[in-house]
PDB file of N, CA and C in Angstrom:
ATOM      1  N   MET A   1      -2.333 -28.834 -17.639  1.00  0.00           N
ATOM      2  CA  MET A   1      -0.955 -28.805 -17.202  1.00  0.00           C
ATOM      3  C   MET A   1      -0.918 -29.288 -15.756  1.00  0.00           C
ATOM      4  N   SER A   2       0.004 -30.150 -15.443  1.00  0.00           N
ATOM      5  CA  SER A   2       0.076 -30.690 -14.091  1.00  0.00           C
ATOM      6  C   SER A   2       0.692 -29.658 -13.146  1.00  0.00           C
ATOM      7  N   ARG A   3       0.530 -29.889 -11.883  1.00  0.00           N
ATOM      8  CA  ARG A   3       1.034 -28.968 -10.873  1.00  0.00           C
ATOM      9  C   ARG A   3       2.553 -28.869 -10.941  1.00  0.00           C
ATOM     10  N   ASP A   4       3.254 -29.988 -11.154  1.00  0.00           N
ATOM     11  CA  ASP A   4       4.712 -29.978 -11.204  1.00  0.00           C
ATOM     12  C   ASP A   4       5.229 -29.142 -12.365  1.00  0.00           C
ATOM     13  N   LYS A   5       4.578 -29.239 -13.522  1.00  0.00           N
ATOM     14  CA  LYS A   5       5.015 -28.467 -14.679  1.00  0.00           C
ATOM     15  C   LYS A   5       4.794 -26.977 -14.439  1.00  0.00           C
ATOM     16  N   ARG A   6       3.664 -26.623 -13.817  1.00  0.00           N
ATOM     17  CA  ARG A   6       3.404 -25.212 -13.530  1.00  0.00           C
ATOM     18  C   ARG A   6       4.418 -24.688 -12.527  1.00  0.00           C
ATOM     19  N   HIS A   7       4.748 -25.500 -11.526  1.00  0.00           N
ATOM     20  CA  HIS A   7       5.705 -25.079 -10.506  1.00  0.00           C
ATOM     21  C   HIS A   7       7.087 -24.881 -11.129  1.00  0.00           C
ATOM     22  N   ASP A   8       7.522 -25.781 -12.011  1.00  0.00           N
ATOM     23  CA  ASP A   8       8.825 -25.663 -12.648  1.00  0.00           C
ATOM     24  C   ASP A   8       8.896 -24.444 -13.558  1.00  0.00           C
ATOM     25  N   ALA A   9       7.804 -24.164 -14.274  1.00  0.00           N
ATOM     26  CA  ALA A   9       7.789 -23.023 -15.193  1.00  0.00           C
ATOM     27  C   ALA A   9       7.897 -21.710 -14.435  1.00  0.00           C
ATOM     28  N   GLY A  10       7.347 -21.624 -13.235  1.00  0.00           N
ATOM     29  CA  GLY A  10       7.366 -20.383 -12.468  1.00  0.00           C
ATOM     30  C   GLY A  10       8.488 -20.304 -11.461  1.00  0.00           C
ATOM     31  N   SER A  11       9.371 -21.301 -11.429  1.00  0.00           N
ATOM     32  CA  SER A  11      10.419 -21.307 -10.412  1.00  0.00           C
ATOM     33  C   SER A  11      11.444 -20.203 -10.629  1.00  0.00           C
ATOM     34  N   ASP A  12      11.562 -19.673 -11.856  1.00  0.00           N
ATOM     35  CA  ASP A  12      12.498 -18.584 -12.118  1.00  0.00           C
ATOM     36  C   ASP A  12      11.949 -17.225 -11.699  1.00  0.00           C
ATOM     37  N   ASN A  13      10.651 -17.132 -11.494  1.00  0.00           N
ATOM     38  CA  ASN A  13      10.042 -15.866 -11.093  1.00  0.00           C
ATOM     39  C   ASN A  13      10.383 -15.553  -9.647  1.00  0.00           C
ATOM     40  N   LEU A  14      10.451 -14.264  -9.345  1.00  0.00           N
ATOM     41  CA  LEU A  14      10.693 -13.845  -7.970  1.00  0.00           C
ATOM     42  C   LEU A  14       9.468 -14.113  -7.110  1.00  0.00           C
ATOM     43  N   ASP A  15       9.681 -14.522  -5.906  1.00  0.00           N
ATOM     44  CA  ASP A  15       8.600 -14.647  -4.944  1.00  0.00           C
ATOM     45  C   ASP A  15       8.355 -13.243  -4.397  1.00  0.00           C
ATOM     46  N   THR A  16       7.204 -12.687  -4.695  1.00  0.00           N
ATOM     47  CA  THR A  16       6.956 -11.289  -4.324  1.00  0.00           C
ATOM     48  C   THR A  16       6.962 -11.062  -2.823  1.00  0.00           C
ATOM     49  N   LEU A  17       6.668 -12.075  -2.034  1.00  0.00           N
ATOM     50  CA  LEU A  17       6.671 -11.885  -0.586  1.00  0.00           C
ATOM     51  C   LEU A  17       8.076 -11.709  -0.033  1.00  0.00           C
ATOM     52  N   THR A  18       9.044 -12.397  -0.622  1.00  0.00           N
ATOM     53  CA  THR A  18      10.412 -12.271  -0.119  1.00  0.00           C
ATOM     54  C   THR A  18      11.226 -11.254  -0.903  1.00  0.00           C
ATOM     55  N   ALA A  19      10.950 -11.096  -2.192  1.00  0.00           N
ATOM     56  CA  ALA A  19      11.732 -10.178  -3.017  1.00  0.00           C
ATOM     57  C   ALA A  19      11.283  -8.732  -2.870  1.00  0.00           C
ATOM     58  N   TRP A  20      10.013  -8.515  -2.535  1.00  0.00           N
ATOM     59  CA  TRP A  20       9.485  -7.166  -2.398  1.00  0.00           C
ATOM     60  C   TRP A  20       8.948  -6.968  -0.991  1.00  0.00           C
ATOM     61  N   PRO A  21       9.810  -6.744  -0.017  1.00  0.00           N
ATOM     62  CA  PRO A  21       9.318  -6.561   1.353  1.00  0.00           C
ATOM     63  C   PRO A  21       8.477  -5.299   1.455  1.00  0.00           C
ATOM     64  N   PRO A  22       7.510  -5.271   2.359  1.00  0.00           N
ATOM     65  CA  PRO A  22       6.669  -4.080   2.506  1.00  0.00           C
ATOM     66  C   PRO A  22       7.505  -2.881   2.956  1.00  0.00           C
ATOM     67  N   ARG A  23       7.091  -1.715   2.511  1.00  0.00           N
ATOM     68  CA  ARG A  23       7.779  -0.476   2.866  1.00  0.00           C
ATOM     69  C   ARG A  23       6.796   0.474   3.526  1.00  0.00           C
ATOM     70  N   VAL A  24       7.305   1.290   4.413  1.00  0.00           N
ATOM     71  CA  VAL A  24       6.489   2.308   5.068  1.00  0.00           C
ATOM     72  C   VAL A  24       6.187   3.398   4.048  1.00  0.00           C
ATOM     73  N   THR A  25       4.944   3.848   4.023  1.00  0.00           N
ATOM     74  CA  THR A  25       4.560   4.902   3.093  1.00  0.00           C
ATOM     75  C   THR A  25       3.555   5.838   3.756  1.00  0.00           C
ATOM     76  N   ARG A  26       3.495   7.046   3.293  1.00  0.00           N
ATOM     77  CA  ARG A  26       2.518   8.011   3.810  1.00  0.00           C
ATOM     78  C   ARG A  26       1.222   7.854   3.017  1.00  0.00           C
ATOM     79  N   VAL A  27       0.134   7.708   3.723  1.00  0.00           N
ATOM     80  CA  VAL A  27      -1.157   7.529   3.082  1.00  0.00           C
ATOM     81  C   VAL A  27      -1.776   8.880   2.733  1.00  0.00           C
ATOM     82  N   LEU A  28      -1.567   9.866   3.585  1.00  0.00           N
ATOM     83  CA  LEU A  28      -2.089  11.213   3.353  1.00  0.00           C
ATOM     84  C   LEU A  28      -0.953  12.164   2.997  1.00  0.00           C
ATOM     85  N   SER A  29      -1.214  13.058   2.066  1.00  0.00           N
ATOM     86  CA  SER A  29      -0.227  14.094   1.734  1.00  0.00           C
ATOM     87  C   SER A  29      -0.189  15.111   2.885  1.00  0.00           C
ATOM     88  N   ASN A  30       0.761  16.024   2.830  1.00  0.00           N
ATOM     89  CA  ASN A  30       0.863  17.050   3.880  1.00  0.00           C
ATOM     90  C   ASN A  30      -0.407  17.892   3.954  1.00  0.00           C
ATOM     91  N   ALA A  31      -0.916  18.318   2.807  1.00  0.00           N
ATOM     92  CA  ALA A  31      -2.131  19.144   2.788  1.00  0.00           C
ATOM     93  C   ALA A  31      -3.326  18.351   3.321  1.00  0.00           C
ATOM     94  N   GLU A  32      -3.436  17.086   2.953  1.00  0.00           N
ATOM     95  CA  GLU A  32      -4.543  16.246   3.441  1.00  0.00           C
ATOM     96  C   GLU A  32      -4.434  16.024   4.947  1.00  0.00           C
ATOM     97  N   ARG A  33      -3.218  15.839   5.434  1.00  0.00           N
ATOM     98  CA  ARG A  33      -3.014  15.634   6.874  1.00  0.00           C
ATOM     99  C   ARG A  33      -3.363  16.898   7.653  1.00  0.00           C
ATOM    100  N   GLN A  34      -3.010  18.065   7.129  1.00  0.00           N
ATOM    101  CA  GLN A  34      -3.353  19.330   7.782  1.00  0.00           C
ATOM    102  C   GLN A  34      -4.867  19.536   7.808  1.00  0.00           C
ATOM    103  N   THR A  35      -5.518  19.210   6.705  1.00  0.00           N
ATOM    104  CA  THR A  35      -6.978  19.340   6.639  1.00  0.00           C
ATOM    105  C   THR A  35      -7.644  18.387   7.624  1.00  0.00           C
ATOM    106  N   TYR A  36      -7.136  17.165   7.700  1.00  0.00           N
ATOM    107  CA  TYR A  36      -7.680  16.176   8.635  1.00  0.00           C
ATOM    108  C   TYR A  36      -7.542  16.673  10.083  1.00  0.00           C
ATOM    109  N   ASP A  37      -6.367  17.175  10.430  1.00  0.00           N
ATOM    110  CA  ASP A  37      -6.156  17.687  11.790  1.00  0.00           C
ATOM    111  C   ASP A  37      -7.056  18.887  12.085  1.00  0.00           C
ATOM    112  N   LEU A  38      -7.227  19.778  11.105  1.00  0.00           N
ATOM    113  CA  LEU A  38      -8.103  20.940  11.265  1.00  0.00           C
ATOM    114  C   LEU A  38      -9.541  20.495  11.542  1.00  0.00           C
ATOM    115  N   LEU A  39     -10.029  19.533  10.773  1.00  0.00           N
ATOM    116  CA  LEU A  39     -11.390  19.029  10.976  1.00  0.00           C
ATOM    117  C   LEU A  39     -11.542  18.333  12.333  1.00  0.00           C
ATOM    118  N   ARG A  40     -10.530  17.570  12.730  1.00  0.00           N
ATOM    119  CA  ARG A  40     -10.598  16.893  14.035  1.00  0.00           C
ATOM    120  C   ARG A  40     -10.695  17.887  15.178  1.00  0.00           C
ATOM    121  N   HIS A  41      -9.926  18.965  15.086  1.00  0.00           N
ATOM    122  CA  HIS A  41      -9.965  19.970  16.154  1.00  0.00           C
ATOM    123  C   HIS A  41     -11.225  20.822  16.087  1.00  0.00           C
ATOM    124  N   ALA A  42     -11.747  21.071  14.893  1.00  0.00           N
ATOM    125  CA  ALA A  42     -12.955  21.882  14.737  1.00  0.00           C
ATOM    126  C   ALA A  42     -14.204  21.122  15.160  1.00  0.00           C
ATOM    127  N   LEU A  43     -14.199  19.802  15.008  1.00  0.00           N
ATOM    128  CA  LEU A  43     -15.360  18.969  15.332  1.00  0.00           C
ATOM    129  C   LEU A  43     -14.949  17.852  16.295  1.00  0.00           C
ATOM    130  N   PRO A  44     -14.653  18.199  17.547  1.00  0.00           N
ATOM    131  CA  PRO A  44     -14.115  17.199  18.483  1.00  0.00           C
ATOM    132  C   PRO A  44     -15.089  16.059  18.802  1.00  0.00           C
ATOM    133  N   GLY A  45     -16.382  16.279  18.670  1.00  0.00           N
ATOM    134  CA  GLY A  45     -17.350  15.233  18.995  1.00  0.00           C
ATOM    135  C   GLY A  45     -17.675  14.328  17.819  1.00  0.00           C
ATOM    136  N   CYS A  46     -17.072  14.578  16.684  1.00  0.00           N
ATOM    137  CA  CYS A  46     -17.381  13.804  15.472  1.00  0.00           C
ATOM    138  C   CYS A  46     -16.204  12.903  15.088  1.00  0.00           C
ATOM    139  N   MET A  47     -16.536  11.813  14.418  1.00  0.00           N
ATOM    140  CA  MET A  47     -15.502  10.930  13.887  1.00  0.00           C
ATOM    141  C   MET A  47     -15.216  11.360  12.448  1.00  0.00           C
ATOM    142  N   ILE A  48     -13.991  11.732  12.178  1.00  0.00           N
ATOM    143  CA  ILE A  48     -13.586  12.174  10.842  1.00  0.00           C
ATOM    144  C   ILE A  48     -12.876  11.010  10.167  1.00  0.00           C
ATOM    145  N   LEU A  49     -13.366  10.616   9.004  1.00  0.00           N
ATOM    146  CA  LEU A  49     -12.764   9.517   8.251  1.00  0.00           C
ATOM    147  C   LEU A  49     -12.162  10.065   6.960  1.00  0.00           C
ATOM    148  N   ALA A  50     -10.940   9.666   6.678  1.00  0.00           N
ATOM    149  CA  ALA A  50     -10.283  10.088   5.442  1.00  0.00           C
ATOM    150  C   ALA A  50     -10.489   9.008   4.388  1.00  0.00           C
ATOM    151  N   GLN A  51     -10.965   9.402   3.222  1.00  0.00           N
ATOM    152  CA  GLN A  51     -11.164   8.461   2.126  1.00  0.00           C
ATOM    153  C   GLN A  51      -9.977   8.585   1.177  1.00  0.00           C
ATOM    154  N   VAL A  52      -9.209   7.516   1.051  1.00  0.00           N
ATOM    155  CA  VAL A  52      -8.038   7.521   0.173  1.00  0.00           C
ATOM    156  C   VAL A  52      -8.071   6.285  -0.720  1.00  0.00           C
ATOM    157  N   PRO A  53      -7.491   6.377  -1.914  1.00  0.00           N
ATOM    158  CA  PRO A  53      -7.452   5.218  -2.804  1.00  0.00           C
ATOM    159  C   PRO A  53      -6.587   4.100  -2.221  1.00  0.00           C
ATOM    160  N   LEU A  54      -6.938   2.874  -2.517  1.00  0.00           N
ATOM    161  CA  LEU A  54      -6.200   1.715  -2.029  1.00  0.00           C
ATOM    162  C   LEU A  54      -4.749   1.733  -2.498  1.00  0.00           C
ATOM    163  N   GLN A  55      -4.493   2.282  -3.668  1.00  0.00           N
ATOM    164  CA  GLN A  55      -3.141   2.279  -4.220  1.00  0.00           C
ATOM    165  C   GLN A  55      -2.145   3.031  -3.342  1.00  0.00           C
ATOM    166  N   ARG A  56      -2.621   3.899  -2.466  1.00  0.00           N
ATOM    167  CA  ARG A  56      -1.706   4.614  -1.577  1.00  0.00           C
ATOM    168  C   ARG A  56      -1.142   3.711  -0.485  1.00  0.00           C
ATOM    169  N   PHE A  57      -1.797   2.577  -0.223  1.00  0.00           N
ATOM    170  CA  PHE A  57      -1.330   1.655   0.800  1.00  0.00           C
ATOM    171  C   PHE A  57      -0.305   0.667   0.256  1.00  0.00           C
ATOM    172  N   ILE A  58      -0.216   0.553  -1.065  1.00  0.00           N
ATOM    173  CA  ILE A  58       0.630  -0.465  -1.690  1.00  0.00           C
ATOM    174  C   ILE A  58       1.740   0.228  -2.468  1.00  0.00           C
ATOM    175  N   LYS A  59       2.960  -0.048  -2.103  1.00  0.00           N
ATOM    176  CA  LYS A  59       4.124   0.499  -2.806  1.00  0.00           C
ATOM    177  C   LYS A  59       4.989  -0.664  -3.277  1.00  0.00           C
ATOM    178  N   VAL A  60       5.300  -0.671  -4.566  1.00  0.00           N
ATOM    179  CA  VAL A  60       6.169  -1.683  -5.133  1.00  0.00           C
ATOM    180  C   VAL A  60       7.498  -1.023  -5.447  1.00  0.00           C
ATOM    181  N   PRO A  61       8.610  -1.631  -5.018  1.00  0.00           N
ATOM    182  CA  PRO A  61       9.907  -1.039  -5.322  1.00  0.00           C
ATOM    183  C   PRO A  61      10.091  -0.850  -6.828  1.00  0.00           C
ATOM    184  N   THR A  62      10.624   0.284  -7.237  1.00  0.00           N
ATOM    185  CA  THR A  62      10.780   0.570  -8.656  1.00  0.00           C
ATOM    186  C   THR A  62      11.955  -0.189  -9.266  1.00  0.00           C
ATOM    187  N   ARG A  63      12.813  -0.789  -8.472  1.00  0.00           N
ATOM    188  CA  ARG A  63      13.938  -1.528  -9.034  1.00  0.00           C
ATOM    189  C   ARG A  63      13.474  -2.831  -9.673  1.00  0.00           C
ATOM    190  N   ASN A  64      12.283  -3.324  -9.299  1.00  0.00           N
ATOM    191  CA  ASN A  64      11.720  -4.537  -9.907  1.00  0.00           C
ATOM    192  C   ASN A  64      10.639  -4.127 -10.885  1.00  0.00           C
ATOM    193  N   SER A  65      10.795  -4.518 -12.128  1.00  0.00           N
ATOM    194  CA  SER A  65       9.768  -4.150 -13.114  1.00  0.00           C
ATOM    195  C   SER A  65       8.635  -5.146 -13.100  1.00  0.00           C
TER     196      SER A  65
END
């Protein structure tokens, strides 16, 4: 399939960069944030890293299926 035909076939699709703008989201829940703060204060000389799934960073508006 040529590039022009592929471009024409997908021209009706939404451009996800413009149709789905990024939204602010919380990566840590309230309980996780409290635990993180507790560990930071309990171990001031240590670096505390929170491990969270990548899906928490990506939010897609529910109005677009």
